[in-house]
């Protein structure tokens, strides 16, 4: 892996982790603006706790060394959560609030694409 790719990977991964942890904490602690936001999208309040806990667990797995299979699951979960959030914004008429979801989706893809070989699932 080139030094450039390693830098891209770590920048994307750290920003992704920061975004996921910060949004997870807001969801887990049920900050009122987030409760209103989730309600406007049509989801029940308990959905925030589920997604928030999974985001924290996903970040832990991404930042730990090794565990390539769990990393694939974490990336898949982040991809589904953020693409689902983007589609929810479009479907609910709140497309003007779609940017954070698209940013985290982009960071997920960039981090996944540039991950080092020791963090990849290798099939023999």
N, C-alpha and C. Protein backbone atom coordinates (compact mmCIF):
# COMPACT_ATOMS: atom_id res chain seq x y z
N UNK A 1 0.85 -1.18 0.00
CA UNK A 1 0.00 0.00 0.00
C UNK A 1 0.89 1.24 0.00
N UNK A 2 0.56 2.17 -0.85
CA UNK A 2 1.36 3.40 -0.93
C UNK A 2 1.06 4.30 0.26
N UNK A 3 1.99 5.19 0.53
CA UNK A 3 1.80 6.13 1.63
C UNK A 3 0.57 7.00 1.38
N UNK A 4 0.38 7.41 0.13
CA UNK A 4 -0.78 8.23 -0.23
C UNK A 4 -2.08 7.52 0.10
N UNK A 5 -2.18 6.24 -0.28
CA UNK A 5 -3.41 5.48 -0.02
C UNK A 5 -3.65 5.28 1.47
N UNK A 6 -2.56 5.09 2.21
CA UNK A 6 -2.68 4.93 3.66
C UNK A 6 -3.20 6.21 4.31
N UNK A 7 -2.72 7.35 3.83
CA UNK A 7 -3.19 8.64 4.36
C UNK A 7 -4.66 8.84 4.02
N UNK A 8 -5.04 8.55 2.79
CA UNK A 8 -6.45 8.67 2.40
C UNK A 8 -7.32 7.77 3.27
N UNK A 9 -6.87 6.53 3.47
CA UNK A 9 -7.62 5.59 4.29
C UNK A 9 -7.84 6.13 5.70
N UNK A 10 -6.76 6.58 6.35
CA UNK A 10 -6.89 7.00 7.73
C UNK A 10 -7.68 8.30 7.88
N UNK A 11 -7.54 9.21 6.95
CA UNK A 11 -8.35 10.44 7.01
C UNK A 11 -9.83 10.10 6.87
N UNK A 12 -10.16 9.30 5.86
CA UNK A 12 -11.56 8.92 5.64
C UNK A 12 -12.10 8.13 6.82
N UNK A 13 -11.32 7.20 7.34
CA UNK A 13 -11.77 6.34 8.44
C UNK A 13 -11.97 7.13 9.73
N UNK A 14 -11.05 8.04 10.01
CA UNK A 14 -11.19 8.84 11.23
C UNK A 14 -12.38 9.79 11.15
N UNK A 15 -12.57 10.42 10.00
CA UNK A 15 -13.74 11.31 9.84
C UNK A 15 -15.04 10.51 9.87
N UNK A 16 -15.03 9.33 9.25
CA UNK A 16 -16.20 8.44 9.30
C UNK A 16 -16.50 8.05 10.75
N UNK A 17 -15.47 7.67 11.48
CA UNK A 17 -15.64 7.27 12.87
C UNK A 17 -16.18 8.42 13.72
N UNK A 18 -15.62 9.60 13.53
CA UNK A 18 -16.09 10.77 14.27
C UNK A 18 -17.57 11.05 13.96
N UNK A 19 -17.93 11.00 12.68
CA UNK A 19 -19.31 11.24 12.29
C UNK A 19 -20.27 10.20 12.84
N UNK A 20 -19.86 8.94 12.81
CA UNK A 20 -20.72 7.87 13.30
C UNK A 20 -20.87 7.94 14.82
N UNK A 21 -19.78 8.19 15.54
CA UNK A 21 -19.85 8.27 17.00
C UNK A 21 -20.69 9.47 17.43
N UNK A 22 -20.47 10.61 16.81
CA UNK A 22 -21.23 11.80 17.21
C UNK A 22 -22.72 11.63 16.93
N UNK A 23 -23.07 11.07 15.78
CA UNK A 23 -24.49 10.87 15.49
C UNK A 23 -25.07 9.76 16.37
N UNK A 24 -24.26 8.75 16.70
CA UNK A 24 -24.73 7.68 17.58
C UNK A 24 -25.04 8.21 18.98
N UNK A 25 -24.17 9.07 19.50
CA UNK A 25 -24.41 9.61 20.84
C UNK A 25 -25.67 10.45 20.88
N UNK A 26 -25.90 11.22 19.84
CA UNK A 26 -27.12 12.03 19.76
C UNK A 26 -28.34 11.11 19.72
N UNK A 27 -28.22 9.99 19.01
CA UNK A 27 -29.34 9.05 18.92
C UNK A 27 -29.54 8.29 20.23
N UNK A 28 -28.47 7.80 20.83
CA UNK A 28 -28.59 7.02 22.07
C UNK A 28 -29.15 7.87 23.21
N UNK A 29 -28.69 9.11 23.30
CA UNK A 29 -29.16 9.99 24.38
C UNK A 29 -30.46 10.71 24.02
N UNK A 30 -31.00 10.39 22.86
CA UNK A 30 -32.30 10.91 22.41
C UNK A 30 -32.41 12.43 22.56
N UNK A 31 -31.47 13.12 21.95
CA UNK A 31 -31.51 14.58 21.90
C UNK A 31 -32.79 14.98 21.16
N UNK A 32 -33.52 15.92 21.72
CA UNK A 32 -34.87 16.23 21.24
C UNK A 32 -34.91 16.58 19.75
N UNK A 33 -33.94 17.32 19.26
CA UNK A 33 -33.95 17.66 17.82
C UNK A 33 -33.84 16.39 16.96
N UNK A 34 -33.07 15.41 17.45
CA UNK A 34 -32.95 14.15 16.71
C UNK A 34 -34.23 13.33 16.80
N UNK A 35 -34.88 13.35 17.95
CA UNK A 35 -36.17 12.66 18.11
C UNK A 35 -37.18 13.25 17.13
N UNK A 36 -37.24 14.57 17.06
CA UNK A 36 -38.16 15.23 16.12
C UNK A 36 -37.81 14.87 14.68
N UNK A 37 -36.54 14.85 14.40
CA UNK A 37 -36.04 14.55 13.06
C UNK A 37 -36.44 13.13 12.64
N UNK A 38 -36.19 12.15 13.51
CA UNK A 38 -36.53 10.75 13.23
C UNK A 38 -38.04 10.59 13.08
N UNK A 39 -38.79 11.29 13.90
CA UNK A 39 -40.26 11.23 13.81
C UNK A 39 -40.74 11.79 12.48
N UNK A 40 -40.13 12.89 12.02
CA UNK A 40 -40.50 13.47 10.72
C UNK A 40 -40.23 12.49 9.58
N UNK A 41 -39.18 11.68 9.74
CA UNK A 41 -38.87 10.69 8.72
C UNK A 41 -39.82 9.49 8.78
N UNK A 42 -40.57 9.37 9.87
CA UNK A 42 -41.55 8.30 9.99
C UNK A 42 -41.08 7.07 10.75
N UNK A 43 -39.96 7.18 11.47
CA UNK A 43 -39.43 6.05 12.22
C UNK A 43 -39.79 6.18 13.70
N UNK A 44 -39.96 5.04 14.40
CA UNK A 44 -40.24 5.10 15.85
C UNK A 44 -39.00 5.51 16.64
N UNK A 45 -39.19 6.04 17.83
CA UNK A 45 -38.09 6.52 18.65
C UNK A 45 -37.09 5.46 19.03
N UNK A 46 -37.54 4.23 19.27
CA UNK A 46 -36.60 3.18 19.67
C UNK A 46 -35.61 2.83 18.56
N UNK A 47 -35.92 3.19 17.33
CA UNK A 47 -35.03 2.94 16.21
C UNK A 47 -33.70 3.66 16.40
N UNK A 48 -33.75 4.82 17.05
CA UNK A 48 -32.53 5.60 17.29
C UNK A 48 -31.55 4.84 18.18
N UNK A 49 -32.07 4.19 19.21
CA UNK A 49 -31.20 3.44 20.11
C UNK A 49 -30.53 2.29 19.39
N UNK A 50 -31.29 1.56 18.60
CA UNK A 50 -30.75 0.41 17.86
C UNK A 50 -29.64 0.88 16.92
N UNK A 51 -29.93 1.88 16.10
CA UNK A 51 -28.94 2.38 15.14
C UNK A 51 -27.72 2.97 15.85
N UNK A 52 -27.96 3.70 16.94
CA UNK A 52 -26.86 4.31 17.68
C UNK A 52 -25.90 3.29 18.24
N UNK A 53 -26.42 2.23 18.85
CA UNK A 53 -25.57 1.19 19.41
C UNK A 53 -24.79 0.48 18.31
N UNK A 54 -25.44 0.18 17.20
CA UNK A 54 -24.75 -0.50 16.09
C UNK A 54 -23.66 0.39 15.49
N UNK A 55 -23.89 1.69 15.44
CA UNK A 55 -22.85 2.60 14.94
C UNK A 55 -21.61 2.57 15.83
N UNK A 56 -21.81 2.62 17.15
CA UNK A 56 -20.68 2.58 18.09
C UNK A 56 -19.91 1.27 17.92
N UNK A 57 -20.62 0.15 17.85
CA UNK A 57 -19.96 -1.14 17.68
C UNK A 57 -19.21 -1.20 16.34
N UNK A 58 -19.81 -0.63 15.29
CA UNK A 58 -19.15 -0.62 13.99
C UNK A 58 -17.85 0.18 14.00
N UNK A 59 -17.86 1.32 14.67
CA UNK A 59 -16.65 2.14 14.77
C UNK A 59 -15.56 1.40 15.54
N UNK A 60 -15.93 0.73 16.62
CA UNK A 60 -14.95 -0.04 17.39
C UNK A 60 -14.29 -1.08 16.50
N UNK A 61 -15.09 -1.80 15.73
CA UNK A 61 -14.56 -2.84 14.84
C UNK A 61 -13.65 -2.23 13.77
N UNK A 62 -14.06 -1.11 13.17
CA UNK A 62 -13.23 -0.50 12.13
C UNK A 62 -11.87 -0.06 12.66
N UNK A 63 -11.82 0.42 13.87
CA UNK A 63 -10.57 0.95 14.40
C UNK A 63 -9.67 -0.12 15.01
N UNK A 64 -10.23 -1.29 15.31
CA UNK A 64 -9.41 -2.39 15.86
C UNK A 64 -8.58 -3.03 14.75
N UNK A 65 -7.40 -3.53 15.09
CA UNK A 65 -6.63 -4.26 14.08
C UNK A 65 -7.25 -5.63 13.82
N UNK A 66 -6.97 -6.15 12.65
CA UNK A 66 -7.43 -7.48 12.22
C UNK A 66 -8.95 -7.50 12.09
N UNK A 67 -9.59 -8.61 12.41
CA UNK A 67 -11.04 -8.81 12.32
C UNK A 67 -11.62 -8.45 10.94
N UNK A 68 -11.05 -8.95 9.85
CA UNK A 68 -11.50 -8.52 8.52
C UNK A 68 -12.97 -8.85 8.22
N UNK A 69 -13.47 -9.98 8.70
CA UNK A 69 -14.87 -10.32 8.44
C UNK A 69 -15.81 -9.34 9.14
N UNK A 70 -15.52 -9.02 10.39
CA UNK A 70 -16.35 -8.05 11.11
C UNK A 70 -16.26 -6.66 10.47
N UNK A 71 -15.09 -6.32 9.96
CA UNK A 71 -14.95 -5.03 9.27
C UNK A 71 -15.86 -4.96 8.05
N UNK A 72 -15.93 -6.06 7.29
CA UNK A 72 -16.82 -6.08 6.13
C UNK A 72 -18.26 -5.86 6.55
N UNK A 73 -18.65 -6.49 7.65
CA UNK A 73 -20.01 -6.31 8.17
C UNK A 73 -20.24 -4.87 8.61
N UNK A 74 -19.24 -4.28 9.26
CA UNK A 74 -19.37 -2.88 9.72
C UNK A 74 -19.52 -1.94 8.52
N UNK A 75 -18.68 -2.14 7.51
CA UNK A 75 -18.79 -1.30 6.31
C UNK A 75 -20.16 -1.49 5.65
N UNK A 76 -20.62 -2.73 5.56
CA UNK A 76 -21.93 -2.99 4.96
C UNK A 76 -23.03 -2.30 5.78
N UNK A 77 -22.94 -2.41 7.10
CA UNK A 77 -23.93 -1.77 7.95
C UNK A 77 -23.95 -0.26 7.78
N UNK A 78 -22.76 0.35 7.75
CA UNK A 78 -22.68 1.80 7.53
C UNK A 78 -23.24 2.17 6.17
N UNK A 79 -22.92 1.37 5.16
CA UNK A 79 -23.42 1.65 3.81
C UNK A 79 -24.94 1.58 3.78
N UNK A 80 -25.51 0.53 4.36
CA UNK A 80 -26.97 0.39 4.35
C UNK A 80 -27.65 1.48 5.19
N UNK A 81 -27.07 1.79 6.34
CA UNK A 81 -27.66 2.82 7.20
C UNK A 81 -27.65 4.19 6.52
N UNK A 82 -26.52 4.55 5.91
CA UNK A 82 -26.41 5.88 5.31
C UNK A 82 -27.15 5.98 3.98
N UNK A 83 -27.15 4.92 3.18
CA UNK A 83 -27.93 4.97 1.94
C UNK A 83 -29.42 4.95 2.29
N UNK A 84 -29.79 4.20 3.33
CA UNK A 84 -31.19 4.20 3.78
C UNK A 84 -31.61 5.57 4.30
N UNK A 85 -30.71 6.23 5.01
CA UNK A 85 -31.00 7.58 5.51
C UNK A 85 -31.20 8.55 4.35
N UNK A 86 -30.35 8.44 3.33
CA UNK A 86 -30.47 9.32 2.16
C UNK A 86 -31.80 9.09 1.45
N UNK A 87 -32.16 7.83 1.25
CA UNK A 87 -33.44 7.52 0.59
C UNK A 87 -34.61 7.99 1.46
N UNK A 88 -34.50 7.84 2.78
CA UNK A 88 -35.56 8.31 3.67
C UNK A 88 -35.77 9.81 3.55
N UNK A 89 -34.67 10.55 3.42
CA UNK A 89 -34.79 12.00 3.23
C UNK A 89 -35.51 12.32 1.92
N UNK A 90 -35.15 11.63 0.88
CA UNK A 90 -35.81 11.88 -0.41
C UNK A 90 -37.29 11.51 -0.36
N UNK A 91 -37.60 10.38 0.25
CA UNK A 91 -38.99 9.91 0.30
C UNK A 91 -39.87 10.75 1.21
N UNK A 92 -39.28 11.34 2.24
CA UNK A 92 -40.08 12.10 3.20
C UNK A 92 -40.15 13.59 2.88
N UNK A 93 -39.49 13.99 1.81
CA UNK A 93 -39.54 15.40 1.44
C UNK A 93 -38.56 16.27 2.20
N UNK A 94 -37.56 15.67 2.83
CA UNK A 94 -36.56 16.45 3.55
C UNK A 94 -35.20 16.36 2.85
N UNK A 95 -35.25 16.44 1.53
CA UNK A 95 -34.02 16.30 0.73
C UNK A 95 -33.00 17.39 1.05
N UNK A 96 -33.45 18.51 1.58
CA UNK A 96 -32.52 19.58 1.95
C UNK A 96 -31.65 19.19 3.14
N UNK A 97 -31.97 18.09 3.83
CA UNK A 97 -31.20 17.63 4.99
C UNK A 97 -30.41 16.35 4.68
N UNK A 98 -30.18 16.07 3.41
CA UNK A 98 -29.56 14.82 2.97
C UNK A 98 -28.03 14.84 3.05
N UNK A 99 -27.41 16.02 3.10
CA UNK A 99 -25.96 16.14 3.02
C UNK A 99 -25.19 15.29 4.03
N UNK A 100 -25.54 15.31 5.34
CA UNK A 100 -24.76 14.49 6.29
C UNK A 100 -24.78 13.00 5.94
N UNK A 101 -25.92 12.50 5.51
CA UNK A 101 -26.01 11.09 5.12
C UNK A 101 -25.11 10.79 3.92
N UNK A 102 -25.13 11.66 2.94
CA UNK A 102 -24.31 11.45 1.74
C UNK A 102 -22.81 11.58 2.06
N UNK A 103 -22.47 12.48 2.97
CA UNK A 103 -21.07 12.64 3.37
C UNK A 103 -20.58 11.36 4.06
N UNK A 104 -21.36 10.85 5.02
CA UNK A 104 -20.95 9.62 5.71
C UNK A 104 -20.96 8.42 4.77
N UNK A 105 -21.86 8.40 3.81
CA UNK A 105 -21.87 7.34 2.81
C UNK A 105 -20.60 7.40 1.96
N UNK A 106 -20.22 8.58 1.55
CA UNK A 106 -19.00 8.76 0.76
C UNK A 106 -17.76 8.35 1.56
N UNK A 107 -17.69 8.77 2.83
CA UNK A 107 -16.56 8.39 3.68
C UNK A 107 -16.50 6.88 3.89
N UNK A 108 -17.66 6.24 3.98
CA UNK A 108 -17.70 4.78 4.12
C UNK A 108 -17.08 4.12 2.89
N UNK A 109 -17.48 4.57 1.71
CA UNK A 109 -16.97 4.00 0.47
C UNK A 109 -15.47 4.24 0.32
N UNK A 110 -15.02 5.45 0.61
CA UNK A 110 -13.60 5.78 0.48
C UNK A 110 -12.77 4.97 1.47
N UNK A 111 -13.22 4.88 2.72
CA UNK A 111 -12.51 4.09 3.73
C UNK A 111 -12.44 2.62 3.33
N UNK A 112 -13.53 2.08 2.86
CA UNK A 112 -13.57 0.67 2.43
C UNK A 112 -12.62 0.44 1.25
N UNK A 113 -12.66 1.32 0.28
CA UNK A 113 -11.86 1.15 -0.93
C UNK A 113 -10.36 1.22 -0.64
N UNK A 114 -9.95 2.11 0.24
CA UNK A 114 -8.52 2.33 0.50
C UNK A 114 -8.00 1.56 1.71
N UNK A 115 -8.78 0.65 2.27
CA UNK A 115 -8.32 -0.07 3.46
C UNK A 115 -7.09 -0.92 3.14
N UNK A 116 -6.17 -1.02 4.10
CA UNK A 116 -4.96 -1.81 3.89
C UNK A 116 -5.26 -3.30 3.75
N UNK A 117 -4.34 -4.03 3.17
CA UNK A 117 -4.52 -5.47 2.92
C UNK A 117 -4.82 -6.24 4.19
N UNK A 118 -4.18 -5.86 5.31
CA UNK A 118 -4.42 -6.61 6.55
C UNK A 118 -5.80 -6.36 7.14
N UNK A 119 -6.53 -5.41 6.58
CA UNK A 119 -7.89 -5.13 7.03
C UNK A 119 -8.94 -5.63 6.03
N UNK A 120 -8.47 -6.34 5.02
CA UNK A 120 -9.38 -6.88 4.00
C UNK A 120 -9.65 -8.34 4.26
N UNK A 121 -10.81 -8.78 3.83
CA UNK A 121 -11.17 -10.19 3.89
C UNK A 121 -10.61 -10.84 2.63
N UNK A 122 -9.69 -11.78 2.81
CA UNK A 122 -9.03 -12.43 1.68
C UNK A 122 -9.63 -13.83 1.49
N UNK A 123 -10.10 -14.09 0.28
CA UNK A 123 -10.61 -15.42 -0.05
C UNK A 123 -9.51 -16.19 -0.77
N UNK A 124 -9.27 -17.43 -0.33
CA UNK A 124 -8.23 -18.19 -1.00
C UNK A 124 -8.80 -19.16 -1.99
